[in-house]
């Protein structure tokens, strides 16, 4: 997530939140230490230590006078650790303390210790640092000067209390998280961590339905029907990325087979090949045919722009799910009309 300092879009780096020191019993499952997971659910309470490193030059852009050394800054700006766990139904702020010995002319360093009792926590916990204005100052165009204004935030860190279990095959995990790319976005494919993010700013009822774990019943039918268009769109995004990976060494005359891709791209590209080349006998022949078509610029454009949007629909359960939800709605209408 890009940092949003004032209205200055160029300030997309500068607040680095990190886990400080190892957490016994965890392993790194994310890129650059962004996601940790316990190997086994912990039984005893433990502490999580964080450090926050802020580039002074970036922070100065958020202040009308730009003076991070002033008493005004020290008395009116507070660094907080924001934590949220949907499964645990917990969220809150913890104040970070400035580490004077570690701060220098270029950076400000803050730290905080958060105790965690696993009896009270489930699933995962998301963390990020927030620079929060605690006192207002004179209104100046281009700056957030009101009390409680957020001047900036770091990228998220995540800790799985319950051990992370990657979905098998071509399936993706679904999480509720932060999406700040555009206003009004409901979901986003996080390609780096292979997770479908549901926007935590979307209506709570929508979040409850899309994330409910019911195996059957009306809520489950509604969830599946609402979610299927998301599945179709995500599948198309994965297919386009799979094609890009297959063509990565096209200039050298080498096209990668779907069978050589990692999941979930392998499953998606193989399914596309089976749909496009159903007249062939073996999976190997289907994969080779897809490779040949992608190598030809005209065939490639036809696949991406014409065939792909239809194929991902045919691979989905959208027709069956829409039929189920329509029946539920009509039955409820009949009951209310009687």
Protein backbone atom coordinates (compact mmCIF):
# COMPACT_ATOMS: atom_id res chain seq x y z
CA UNK A 1 0.00 0.00 0.00
CA UNK A 2 1.43 3.35 -0.97
CA UNK A 3 1.91 5.87 1.79
CA UNK A 4 -0.47 8.79 1.60
CA UNK A 5 1.37 11.81 2.99
CA UNK A 6 -0.76 14.95 2.68
CA UNK A 7 -1.66 15.17 -0.98
CA UNK A 8 1.84 14.52 -2.29
CA UNK A 9 1.65 11.35 -4.40
CA UNK A 10 5.44 11.12 -4.84
CA UNK A 11 5.83 10.25 -1.14
CA UNK A 12 5.28 6.52 -1.63
CA UNK A 13 8.11 5.38 0.64
CA UNK A 14 9.39 6.48 3.99
CA UNK A 15 7.53 4.56 6.75
CA UNK A 16 8.92 1.08 7.29
CA UNK A 17 7.22 -1.08 9.92
CA UNK A 18 9.05 -4.28 10.78
CA UNK A 19 8.80 -7.19 13.18
CA UNK A 20 11.79 -6.72 15.48
CA UNK A 21 13.48 -9.96 16.37
CA UNK A 22 12.16 -13.50 15.95
CA UNK A 23 8.84 -14.70 17.30
CA UNK A 24 9.47 -18.21 18.60
CA UNK A 25 7.60 -20.87 16.67
CA UNK A 26 6.94 -18.78 13.54
CA UNK A 27 8.18 -18.96 9.98
CA UNK A 28 8.35 -16.36 7.22
CA UNK A 29 5.79 -17.11 4.50
CA UNK A 30 5.74 -13.66 2.88
CA UNK A 31 8.19 -11.70 0.80
CA UNK A 32 10.81 -9.74 2.80
CA UNK A 33 9.36 -10.70 6.17
CA UNK A 34 5.95 -9.16 5.56
CA UNK A 35 3.99 -12.25 6.65
CA UNK A 36 4.77 -14.60 9.52
CA UNK A 37 2.88 -17.71 10.56
CA UNK A 38 3.07 -19.96 13.59
CA UNK A 39 3.95 -23.53 12.66
CA UNK A 40 1.63 -24.72 15.45
CA UNK A 41 -0.98 -22.69 17.28
CA UNK A 42 0.75 -21.18 20.36
CA UNK A 43 -0.53 -22.03 23.83
CA UNK A 44 1.36 -19.46 25.91
CA UNK A 45 1.16 -15.67 25.72
CA UNK A 46 3.91 -13.91 23.78
CA UNK A 47 5.09 -10.41 22.82
CA UNK A 48 5.43 -8.94 19.35
CA UNK A 49 8.08 -6.22 19.05
CA UNK A 50 7.86 -3.67 16.25
CA UNK A 51 10.18 -0.98 14.97
CA UNK A 52 9.09 1.92 12.78
CA UNK A 53 11.67 3.74 10.68
CA UNK A 54 10.57 7.03 9.09
CA UNK A 55 12.51 9.09 6.57
CA UNK A 56 12.52 12.64 7.88
CA UNK A 57 12.48 14.22 4.41
CA UNK A 58 9.25 12.40 3.54
CA UNK A 59 7.61 13.25 6.85
CA UNK A 60 8.50 16.93 6.41
CA UNK A 61 6.23 16.98 3.35
CA UNK A 62 3.26 16.34 5.66
CA UNK A 63 3.93 19.32 7.93
CA UNK A 64 3.09 22.96 7.09
CA UNK A 65 6.41 24.15 8.55
CA UNK A 66 8.34 20.97 7.73
CA UNK A 67 10.09 20.96 11.10
CA UNK A 68 10.22 17.44 12.57
CA UNK A 69 12.56 18.59 15.33
CA UNK A 70 10.16 21.18 16.77
CA UNK A 71 8.14 20.88 19.98
CA UNK A 72 5.05 21.50 17.85
CA UNK A 73 5.73 18.28 15.93
CA UNK A 74 6.49 16.30 19.09
CA UNK A 75 3.30 17.51 20.79
CA UNK A 76 0.88 17.22 17.88
CA UNK A 77 1.93 14.13 15.85
CA UNK A 78 1.68 10.61 17.24
CA UNK A 79 2.90 7.36 15.72
CA UNK A 80 0.56 4.42 16.28
CA UNK A 81 0.46 0.73 15.56
CA UNK A 82 -2.93 -0.18 14.08
CA UNK A 83 -3.94 -3.82 14.48
CA UNK A 84 -6.98 -5.67 13.15
CA UNK A 85 -8.13 -9.28 13.24
CA UNK A 86 -11.43 -10.03 11.53
CA UNK A 87 -11.65 -13.57 12.94
CA UNK A 88 -10.94 -12.31 16.47
CA UNK A 89 -13.20 -9.26 16.06
CA UNK A 90 -10.44 -7.04 17.41
CA UNK A 91 -8.98 -3.77 16.19
CA UNK A 92 -7.23 -0.88 17.90
CA UNK A 93 -4.29 1.51 18.16
CA UNK A 94 -1.15 1.31 20.28
CA UNK A 95 1.13 4.32 20.66
CA UNK A 96 4.73 3.87 19.50
CA UNK A 97 7.57 5.43 21.48
CA UNK A 98 10.45 7.35 19.90
CA UNK A 99 13.86 5.69 20.26
CA UNK A 100 16.15 8.69 20.58
CA UNK A 101 19.39 6.71 20.59
CA UNK A 102 18.61 5.11 17.24
CA UNK A 103 17.22 8.20 15.49
CA UNK A 104 19.65 10.32 13.47
CA UNK A 105 19.66 13.29 11.11
CA UNK A 106 17.91 11.32 8.33
CA UNK A 107 15.52 9.01 10.16
CA UNK A 108 13.17 8.82 13.12
CA UNK A 109 12.91 5.46 14.89
CA UNK A 110 9.95 4.31 16.99
CA UNK A 111 9.18 1.04 18.75
CA UNK A 112 6.37 -0.74 20.56
CA UNK A 113 5.72 -4.08 22.25
CA UNK A 114 2.32 -5.74 21.82
CA UNK A 115 1.38 -8.62 24.16
CA UNK A 116 -0.78 -11.35 22.65
CA UNK A 117 -2.78 -14.00 24.52
CA UNK A 118 -3.61 -16.72 21.95
CA UNK A 119 -6.74 -17.65 23.91
CA UNK A 120 -8.24 -14.36 22.71
CA UNK A 121 -6.97 -14.38 19.11
CA UNK A 122 -7.85 -16.42 16.03
CA UNK A 123 -6.94 -16.47 12.36
CA UNK A 124 -4.48 -13.71 11.51
CA UNK A 125 -3.65 -10.19 12.67
CA UNK A 126 -2.84 -7.36 10.26
CA UNK A 127 -0.60 -4.51 11.39
CA UNK A 128 0.41 -1.15 9.98
CA UNK A 129 1.91 2.04 11.35
CA UNK A 130 -0.05 5.28 11.20
CA UNK A 131 1.17 8.86 11.65
CA UNK A 132 -1.76 10.58 13.32
CA UNK A 133 -2.29 14.28 14.06
CA UNK A 134 -3.43 14.69 17.67
CA UNK A 135 -3.78 18.50 17.56
CA UNK A 136 -5.02 20.71 14.76
CA UNK A 137 -2.98 23.55 13.33
CA UNK A 138 -3.79 26.52 11.09
CA UNK A 139 -5.48 25.39 7.90
CA UNK A 140 -3.11 25.49 4.93
CA UNK A 141 -4.00 24.37 1.43
CA UNK A 142 -2.43 21.02 0.52
CA UNK A 143 -1.96 19.77 4.09
CA UNK A 144 -4.00 17.66 6.49
CA UNK A 145 -4.24 20.02 9.46
CA UNK A 146 -7.34 18.80 11.32
CA UNK A 147 -7.14 16.80 14.54
CA UNK A 148 -7.18 13.01 13.94
CA UNK A 149 -5.96 13.46 10.34
CA UNK A 150 -3.86 10.54 9.09
CA UNK A 151 -0.62 11.93 7.67
CA UNK A 152 0.78 8.64 6.50
CA UNK A 153 0.74 4.88 6.90
CA UNK A 154 3.13 2.02 6.28
CA UNK A 155 2.74 -1.19 4.33
CA UNK A 156 0.94 -3.96 6.21
CA UNK A 157 2.51 -6.79 8.16
CA UNK A 158 0.58 -9.95 8.98
CA UNK A 159 0.89 -12.67 11.62
CA UNK A 160 -1.07 -15.92 11.44
CA UNK A 161 -1.96 -17.14 14.94
CA UNK A 162 -3.60 -20.19 13.43
CA UNK A 163 -0.98 -21.76 11.13
CA UNK A 164 -1.25 -20.59 7.54
CA UNK A 165 -2.55 -23.31 5.26
CA UNK A 166 -2.11 -22.51 1.55
CA UNK A 167 -4.99 -23.49 -0.67
CA UNK A 168 -4.33 -26.48 -2.88
CA UNK A 169 -4.01 -26.47 -6.65
CA UNK A 170 -5.39 -23.41 -8.38
CA UNK A 171 -7.38 -22.15 -5.40
CA UNK A 172 -6.63 -18.80 -3.77
CA UNK A 173 -7.05 -17.70 -0.18
CA UNK A 174 -9.57 -14.90 0.47
CA UNK A 175 -8.85 -12.25 3.11
CA UNK A 176 -10.40 -8.98 4.21
CA UNK A 177 -7.77 -6.25 3.98
CA UNK A 178 -6.78 -2.75 2.94
CA UNK A 179 -7.28 -1.60 -0.67
CA UNK A 180 -6.36 2.01 -1.33
CA UNK A 181 -5.77 1.87 -5.10
CA UNK A 182 -9.12 3.42 -6.08
CA UNK A 183 -12.27 4.51 -4.27
CA UNK A 184 -15.20 2.08 -4.18
CA UNK A 185 -13.15 -1.04 -4.98
CA UNK A 186 -14.66 -4.26 -3.61
CA UNK A 187 -11.80 -6.70 -4.23
CA UNK A 188 -8.28 -7.02 -5.58
CA UNK A 189 -5.98 -9.84 -6.62
CA UNK A 190 -2.74 -9.64 -4.62
CA UNK A 191 -0.42 -11.45 -7.05
CA UNK A 192 2.59 -11.22 -4.76
CA UNK A 193 0.96 -13.18 -1.94
CA UNK A 194 -1.65 -14.95 -4.11
CA UNK A 195 -4.56 -13.74 -2.05
CA UNK A 196 -7.91 -12.24 -3.06
CA UNK A 197 -8.40 -9.17 -0.87
CA UNK A 198 -11.91 -8.02 0.03
CA UNK A 199 -11.90 -4.31 0.82
CA UNK A 200 -12.24 -3.71 4.57
CA UNK A 201 -13.92 -0.39 3.73
CA UNK A 202 -16.76 -2.09 1.86
CA UNK A 203 -20.16 -2.35 3.63
CA UNK A 204 -20.00 -4.67 6.64
CA UNK A 205 -23.01 -6.69 5.45
CA UNK A 206 -21.19 -7.37 2.16
CA UNK A 207 -18.09 -8.46 4.05
CA UNK A 208 -20.13 -10.73 6.31
CA UNK A 209 -21.85 -12.46 3.39
CA UNK A 210 -18.74 -12.84 1.20
CA UNK A 211 -16.63 -14.15 4.09
CA UNK A 212 -19.21 -16.35 5.80
CA UNK A 213 -18.17 -19.99 6.22
CA UNK A 214 -21.60 -21.63 6.10
CA UNK A 215 -21.60 -24.91 4.19
CA UNK A 216 -25.28 -24.69 3.26
CA UNK A 217 -28.38 -22.55 3.63
CA UNK A 218 -29.51 -19.25 2.15
CA UNK A 219 -26.45 -17.32 3.28
CA UNK A 220 -24.17 -19.85 1.59
CA UNK A 221 -26.20 -19.71 -1.62
CA UNK A 222 -26.13 -15.90 -1.60
CA UNK A 223 -22.39 -15.85 -0.85
CA UNK A 224 -21.56 -18.25 -3.67
CA UNK A 225 -23.73 -16.41 -6.20
CA UNK A 226 -22.30 -13.01 -5.29
CA UNK A 227 -18.76 -14.30 -5.27
CA UNK A 228 -18.81 -16.13 -8.60
CA UNK A 229 -18.44 -12.98 -10.77
CA UNK A 230 -15.36 -12.19 -8.67
CA UNK A 231 -14.06 -15.71 -9.36
CA UNK A 232 -14.60 -15.17 -13.11
CA UNK A 233 -12.71 -11.87 -13.08
CA UNK A 234 -9.86 -13.25 -10.95
CA UNK A 235 -9.57 -16.28 -13.23
CA UNK A 236 -9.24 -13.99 -16.25
CA UNK A 237 -6.56 -11.95 -14.48
CA UNK A 238 -4.68 -15.15 -13.61
CA UNK A 239 -4.99 -16.36 -17.21
CA UNK A 240 -3.54 -13.11 -18.58
CA UNK A 241 -0.66 -13.37 -16.11
CA UNK A 242 -0.14 -17.02 -17.08
CA UNK A 243 0.08 -16.00 -20.75
CA UNK A 244 2.62 -13.31 -19.84
CA UNK A 245 4.75 -15.87 -18.01
CA UNK A 246 4.50 -18.30 -20.91
CA UNK A 247 5.71 -15.59 -23.31
CA UNK A 248 8.44 -14.18 -21.03
CA UNK A 249 11.22 -15.57 -23.26
CA UNK A 250 9.37 -15.18 -26.54
CA UNK A 251 12.25 -13.22 -28.11
CA UNK A 252 14.46 -16.29 -27.68
CA UNK A 253 11.87 -18.42 -29.43
CA UNK A 254 10.94 -20.28 -26.24
CA UNK A 255 7.32 -20.50 -25.10
CA UNK A 256 6.75 -22.02 -21.69
CA UNK A 257 4.22 -24.84 -21.43
CA UNK A 258 1.33 -24.52 -18.94
CA UNK A 259 2.69 -27.66 -17.24
CA UNK A 260 5.91 -25.78 -16.37
CA UNK A 261 4.15 -22.92 -14.57
CA UNK A 262 3.67 -22.67 -10.82
CA UNK A 263 0.21 -22.79 -9.26
CA UNK A 264 -2.31 -21.28 -9.63
CA UNK A 265 -1.16 -20.28 -13.14
CA UNK A 266 -0.55 -23.90 -14.12
CA UNK A 267 -4.14 -24.96 -13.41
CA UNK A 268 -5.67 -21.88 -15.05
CA UNK A 269 -3.58 -22.10 -18.24
CA UNK A 270 -4.22 -25.86 -18.49
CA UNK A 271 -7.97 -25.32 -18.16
CA UNK A 272 -7.85 -22.66 -20.90
CA UNK A 273 -5.94 -25.06 -23.16
CA UNK A 274 -8.51 -27.81 -22.58
CA UNK A 275 -11.37 -25.47 -23.51
CA UNK A 276 -9.68 -24.07 -26.60
CA UNK A 277 -8.34 -27.38 -27.86
CA UNK A 278 -10.97 -29.91 -26.77
CA UNK A 279 -10.71 -31.67 -30.14
CA UNK A 280 -7.20 -32.91 -29.31
CA UNK A 281 -6.57 -36.18 -27.47
CA UNK A 282 -3.94 -35.50 -24.83
CA UNK A 283 -3.21 -32.71 -22.37
CA UNK A 284 0.27 -32.37 -23.85
CA UNK A 285 -1.20 -31.75 -27.31
CA UNK A 286 -3.64 -29.19 -25.90
CA UNK A 287 -0.86 -27.33 -24.10
CA UNK A 288 1.30 -27.31 -27.24
CA UNK A 289 -1.60 -25.98 -29.31
CA UNK A 290 -2.14 -23.12 -26.83
CA UNK A 291 1.58 -22.33 -26.95
CA UNK A 292 1.45 -22.18 -30.76
CA UNK A 293 -1.58 -19.86 -30.73
CA UNK A 294 -0.03 -17.50 -28.20
CA UNK A 295 3.13 -17.30 -30.29
CA UNK A 296 1.12 -15.98 -33.24
CA UNK A 297 0.21 -12.28 -32.62
CA UNK A 298 -3.16 -12.49 -34.37
CA UNK A 299 -4.20 -15.71 -32.64
CA UNK A 300 -3.02 -14.29 -29.33
CA UNK A 301 -5.20 -11.20 -29.64
CA UNK A 302 -8.23 -13.31 -30.56
CA UNK A 303 -7.69 -15.56 -27.53
CA UNK A 304 -7.28 -12.67 -25.10
CA UNK A 305 -9.98 -10.36 -26.44
CA UNK A 306 -12.60 -12.80 -27.76
CA UNK A 307 -12.18 -16.31 -26.36
CA UNK A 308 -10.89 -15.70 -22.84
CA UNK A 309 -13.89 -13.72 -21.45
CA UNK A 310 -16.21 -16.50 -22.61
CA UNK A 311 -13.99 -19.39 -21.49
CA UNK A 312 -13.70 -18.15 -17.91
CA UNK A 313 -17.49 -18.00 -17.75
CA UNK A 314 -17.82 -21.53 -19.05
CA UNK A 315 -15.30 -22.72 -16.46
CA UNK A 316 -17.32 -21.11 -13.67
CA UNK A 317 -20.51 -22.19 -11.89
CA UNK A 318 -22.20 -18.86 -12.54
CA UNK A 319 -25.22 -20.26 -14.41
CA UNK A 320 -25.94 -22.91 -11.75
CA UNK A 321 -25.41 -20.47 -8.85
CA UNK A 322 -27.58 -17.76 -10.39
CA UNK A 323 -30.30 -20.34 -10.91
CA UNK A 324 -30.10 -21.31 -7.21
CA UNK A 325 -30.23 -17.75 -5.89
CA UNK A 326 -33.08 -16.87 -8.27
CA UNK A 327 -35.12 -19.76 -6.86
CA UNK A 328 -34.51 -18.56 -3.29
CA UNK A 329 -35.56 -15.01 -4.16
CA UNK A 330 -38.70 -16.12 -6.00
CA UNK A 331 -39.67 -18.48 -3.18
CA UNK A 332 -39.36 -15.65 -0.65
CA UNK A 333 -41.47 -13.39 -2.88
CA UNK A 334 -44.18 -16.03 -3.12
CA UNK A 335 -44.24 -16.40 0.65
CA UNK A 336 -44.51 -12.63 1.16
CA UNK A 337 -47.23 -12.37 -1.48
CA UNK A 338 -49.40 -15.08 0.09
